[in-house]
Each structure stands twice: as structure tokens, then as C-alpha cells.
């Protein structure tokens, strides 16, 4: 009887450890997804603002209107 109880205790701990490990992996994946979405949102906003700059400001930062056009035409996931 003691062996059965000990066996059940070990199984319960194994399951708890497995669930805990799974939760940790899910949390890590969620953080990675959140980081990726944040990066994409930043790119969209930065490209939007870049497209609003006038020629004088573009000249100050050393970027041509053609380069801006190429940049703002990129998809949000493209670097």
C-alpha cells in the first residue's frame, strides 16, 4: 500500500513539473510574440513618420525621397 501511495505521489509531482515546464515555455513564446508585434508596430509608425518629413529634413538626415519611397513601401515585417 505504501508503494502505491508513493508511486501516486511521484506521478503527481511529475505531472506538476511537466505542467510547470509547459507554462514556462508558453510564457516565453508569448514574450517573443509580444516583442515581435511591438517591433512591427514601431516599424509601421517610423515609416509613417518618415513619409511625412519634408525635403529639407530629409536632406538634413542624408536621405533622398527615392530612398524614403523604398522604405515606406516595405511590409511591416521587412527590415
N, C-alpha and C. Protein backbone atom coordinates (compact mmCIF):
# COMPACT_ATOMS: atom_id res chain seq x y z
N UNK A 1 0.81 -1.19 0.00
CA UNK A 1 0.00 0.00 0.00
C UNK A 1 0.86 1.26 0.00
N UNK A 2 1.93 1.24 0.75
CA UNK A 2 2.83 2.39 0.80
C UNK A 2 3.44 2.66 -0.57
N UNK A 3 3.79 1.59 -1.27
CA UNK A 3 4.37 1.73 -2.59
C UNK A 3 3.40 2.41 -3.55
N UNK A 4 2.15 2.04 -3.50
CA UNK A 4 1.14 2.64 -4.37
C UNK A 4 1.00 4.12 -4.06
N UNK A 5 0.97 4.47 -2.80
CA UNK A 5 0.85 5.88 -2.42
C UNK A 5 2.08 6.66 -2.88
N UNK A 6 3.25 6.09 -2.67
CA UNK A 6 4.47 6.77 -3.09
C UNK A 6 4.49 6.92 -4.62
N UNK A 7 4.06 5.88 -5.31
CA UNK A 7 4.01 5.92 -6.76
C UNK A 7 3.06 7.03 -7.23
N UNK A 8 1.91 7.15 -6.63
CA UNK A 8 0.96 8.20 -6.99
C UNK A 8 1.55 9.58 -6.69
N UNK A 9 2.29 9.73 -5.61
CA UNK A 9 2.92 10.99 -5.26
C UNK A 9 3.94 11.39 -6.32
N UNK A 10 4.73 10.42 -6.74
CA UNK A 10 5.74 10.69 -7.76
C UNK A 10 5.07 11.08 -9.07
N UNK A 11 4.01 10.38 -9.46
CA UNK A 11 3.30 10.72 -10.69
C UNK A 11 2.73 12.12 -10.61
N UNK A 12 2.17 12.49 -9.48
CA UNK A 12 1.60 13.82 -9.32
C UNK A 12 2.69 14.89 -9.45
N UNK A 13 3.84 14.63 -8.86
CA UNK A 13 4.95 15.59 -8.98
C UNK A 13 5.47 15.67 -10.40
N UNK A 14 5.54 14.54 -11.07
CA UNK A 14 5.98 14.53 -12.47
C UNK A 14 5.02 15.34 -13.34
N UNK A 15 3.74 15.17 -13.11
CA UNK A 15 2.74 15.90 -13.88
C UNK A 15 2.84 17.39 -13.57
N UNK A 16 3.00 17.73 -12.29
CA UNK A 16 3.13 19.14 -11.91
C UNK A 16 4.36 19.76 -12.56
N UNK A 17 5.46 19.05 -12.56
CA UNK A 17 6.69 19.56 -13.17
C UNK A 17 6.50 19.73 -14.68
N UNK A 18 5.82 18.78 -15.30
CA UNK A 18 5.58 18.87 -16.74
C UNK A 18 4.69 20.07 -17.06
N UNK A 19 3.65 20.27 -16.27
CA UNK A 19 2.75 21.40 -16.49
C UNK A 19 3.50 22.70 -16.27
N UNK A 20 4.30 22.77 -15.22
CA UNK A 20 5.07 23.97 -14.93
C UNK A 20 6.03 24.28 -16.09
N UNK A 21 6.69 23.27 -16.61
CA UNK A 21 7.60 23.45 -17.74
C UNK A 21 6.86 23.93 -18.97
N UNK A 22 5.67 23.38 -19.19
CA UNK A 22 4.87 23.80 -20.34
C UNK A 22 4.44 25.26 -20.19
N UNK A 23 4.04 25.64 -18.99
CA UNK A 23 3.63 27.02 -18.75
C UNK A 23 4.82 27.97 -18.99
N UNK A 24 5.99 27.58 -18.55
CA UNK A 24 7.17 28.41 -18.78
C UNK A 24 7.45 28.59 -20.27
N UNK A 25 7.30 27.51 -21.04
CA UNK A 25 7.53 27.61 -22.49
C UNK A 25 6.47 28.49 -23.15
N UNK A 26 5.24 28.39 -22.70
CA UNK A 26 4.17 29.23 -23.25
C UNK A 26 4.44 30.69 -22.92
N UNK A 27 4.86 30.98 -21.69
CA UNK A 27 5.18 32.36 -21.31
C UNK A 27 6.33 32.91 -22.15
N UNK A 28 7.35 32.10 -22.38
CA UNK A 28 8.49 32.54 -23.20
C UNK A 28 8.04 32.82 -24.63
N UNK A 29 7.19 31.96 -25.17
CA UNK A 29 6.69 32.17 -26.53
C UNK A 29 5.83 33.44 -26.59
N UNK A 30 5.02 33.66 -25.57
CA UNK A 30 4.17 34.86 -25.54
C UNK A 30 5.02 36.13 -25.50
N UNK A 31 6.10 36.10 -24.73
CA UNK A 31 7.00 37.26 -24.68
C UNK A 31 7.64 37.51 -26.03
N UNK A 32 8.00 36.44 -26.71
CA UNK A 32 8.61 36.58 -28.04
C UNK A 32 7.60 37.16 -29.03
N UNK A 33 6.39 36.67 -28.99
CA UNK A 33 5.34 37.19 -29.88
C UNK A 33 5.07 38.66 -29.57
N UNK A 34 4.99 39.00 -28.29
CA UNK A 34 4.76 40.40 -27.90
C UNK A 34 5.89 41.29 -28.41
N UNK A 35 7.12 40.82 -28.31
CA UNK A 35 8.27 41.59 -28.80
C UNK A 35 8.22 41.78 -30.30
N UNK A 36 7.84 40.73 -31.02
CA UNK A 36 7.74 40.81 -32.47
C UNK A 36 6.65 41.79 -32.88
N UNK A 37 5.48 41.71 -32.23
CA UNK A 37 4.39 42.63 -32.55
C UNK A 37 4.77 44.07 -32.24
N UNK A 38 5.50 44.27 -31.17
CA UNK A 38 5.96 45.61 -30.81
C UNK A 38 6.92 46.15 -31.86
N UNK A 39 7.82 45.31 -32.33
CA UNK A 39 8.76 45.70 -33.38
C UNK A 39 8.02 46.09 -34.65
N UNK A 40 7.05 45.28 -35.03
CA UNK A 40 6.28 45.56 -36.24
C UNK A 40 5.53 46.87 -36.11
N UNK A 41 4.92 47.11 -34.96
CA UNK A 41 4.18 48.37 -34.74
C UNK A 41 5.12 49.56 -34.83
N UNK A 42 6.32 49.42 -34.27
CA UNK A 42 7.30 50.50 -34.33
C UNK A 42 7.71 50.79 -35.77
N UNK A 43 7.91 49.75 -36.56
CA UNK A 43 8.29 49.94 -37.96
C UNK A 43 7.20 50.69 -38.72
N UNK A 44 5.96 50.32 -38.49
CA UNK A 44 4.85 50.99 -39.18
C UNK A 44 4.85 52.47 -38.83
N UNK A 45 4.98 52.78 -37.55
CA UNK A 45 4.94 54.18 -37.12
C UNK A 45 6.16 54.96 -37.62
N UNK A 46 7.33 54.37 -37.55
CA UNK A 46 8.54 55.05 -38.01
C UNK A 46 8.47 55.34 -39.50
N UNK A 47 7.97 54.37 -40.27
CA UNK A 47 7.86 54.58 -41.72
C UNK A 47 6.80 55.63 -42.04
N UNK A 48 5.73 55.63 -41.27
CA UNK A 48 4.69 56.65 -41.46
C UNK A 48 5.27 58.04 -41.23
N UNK A 49 6.02 58.17 -40.13
CA UNK A 49 6.62 59.47 -39.81
C UNK A 49 7.70 59.86 -40.83
N UNK A 50 8.45 58.90 -41.29
CA UNK A 50 9.47 59.18 -42.31
C UNK A 50 8.83 59.73 -43.58
N UNK A 51 7.69 59.17 -43.94
CA UNK A 51 6.99 59.64 -45.13
C UNK A 51 6.45 61.05 -44.99
N UNK A 52 6.30 61.53 -43.76
CA UNK A 52 5.78 62.88 -43.52
C UNK A 52 6.86 63.96 -43.55
N UNK A 53 8.13 63.56 -43.52
CA UNK A 53 9.22 64.55 -43.50
C UNK A 53 9.31 65.30 -44.82
N UNK A 54 9.61 66.59 -44.72
CA UNK A 54 9.77 67.39 -45.94
C UNK A 54 11.19 67.20 -46.49
N UNK A 55 11.40 67.70 -47.71
CA UNK A 55 12.68 67.51 -48.40
C UNK A 55 13.85 68.12 -47.63
N UNK A 56 13.62 69.24 -46.98
CA UNK A 56 14.68 69.89 -46.20
C UNK A 56 15.14 68.98 -45.05
N UNK A 57 14.19 68.40 -44.33
CA UNK A 57 14.56 67.50 -43.23
C UNK A 57 15.22 66.23 -43.75
N UNK A 58 14.74 65.73 -44.87
CA UNK A 58 15.36 64.53 -45.46
C UNK A 58 16.81 64.82 -45.84
N UNK A 59 17.04 65.99 -46.40
CA UNK A 59 18.41 66.37 -46.76
C UNK A 59 19.29 66.44 -45.51
N UNK A 60 18.73 66.96 -44.41
CA UNK A 60 19.49 67.05 -43.17
C UNK A 60 19.94 65.69 -42.66
N UNK A 61 19.10 64.68 -42.84
CA UNK A 61 19.47 63.35 -42.35
C UNK A 61 20.14 62.50 -43.43
N UNK A 62 20.30 63.09 -44.62
CA UNK A 62 21.04 62.40 -45.68
C UNK A 62 20.26 61.31 -46.38
N UNK A 63 18.95 61.52 -46.53
CA UNK A 63 18.10 60.52 -47.17
C UNK A 63 17.37 61.19 -48.34
N UNK A 64 17.31 60.48 -49.46
CA UNK A 64 16.60 61.03 -50.61
C UNK A 64 15.13 60.62 -50.57
N UNK A 65 14.33 61.33 -51.33
CA UNK A 65 12.90 61.00 -51.43
C UNK A 65 12.72 59.59 -52.00
N UNK A 66 13.60 59.20 -52.93
CA UNK A 66 13.53 57.85 -53.52
C UNK A 66 13.80 56.77 -52.45
N UNK A 67 14.78 57.02 -51.58
CA UNK A 67 15.09 56.07 -50.51
C UNK A 67 13.92 55.96 -49.53
N UNK A 68 13.29 57.09 -49.27
CA UNK A 68 12.11 57.09 -48.39
C UNK A 68 11.00 56.27 -49.02
N UNK A 69 10.80 56.45 -50.31
CA UNK A 69 9.76 55.72 -51.02
C UNK A 69 9.98 54.21 -50.92
N UNK A 70 11.23 53.79 -51.09
CA UNK A 70 11.55 52.36 -50.98
C UNK A 70 11.26 51.87 -49.56
N UNK A 71 11.63 52.65 -48.58
CA UNK A 71 11.46 52.25 -47.18
C UNK A 71 9.98 52.16 -46.80
N UNK A 72 9.20 53.16 -47.17
CA UNK A 72 7.81 53.15 -46.73
C UNK A 72 6.95 52.15 -47.51
N UNK A 73 7.47 51.66 -48.65
CA UNK A 73 6.75 50.64 -49.41
C UNK A 73 6.97 49.23 -48.88
N UNK A 74 7.87 49.08 -47.92
CA UNK A 74 8.13 47.76 -47.34
C UNK A 74 6.97 47.31 -46.46
N UNK A 75 6.80 46.00 -46.39
CA UNK A 75 5.81 45.43 -45.48
C UNK A 75 6.32 45.57 -44.05
N UNK A 76 5.42 45.55 -43.11
CA UNK A 76 5.80 45.78 -41.70
C UNK A 76 6.77 44.74 -41.17
N UNK A 77 6.78 43.55 -41.74
CA UNK A 77 7.68 42.52 -41.23
C UNK A 77 9.08 42.60 -41.85
N UNK A 78 9.23 43.44 -42.87
CA UNK A 78 10.53 43.57 -43.53
C UNK A 78 11.41 44.57 -42.79
N UNK A 79 12.67 44.24 -42.71
CA UNK A 79 13.63 45.14 -42.05
C UNK A 79 13.98 46.29 -42.96
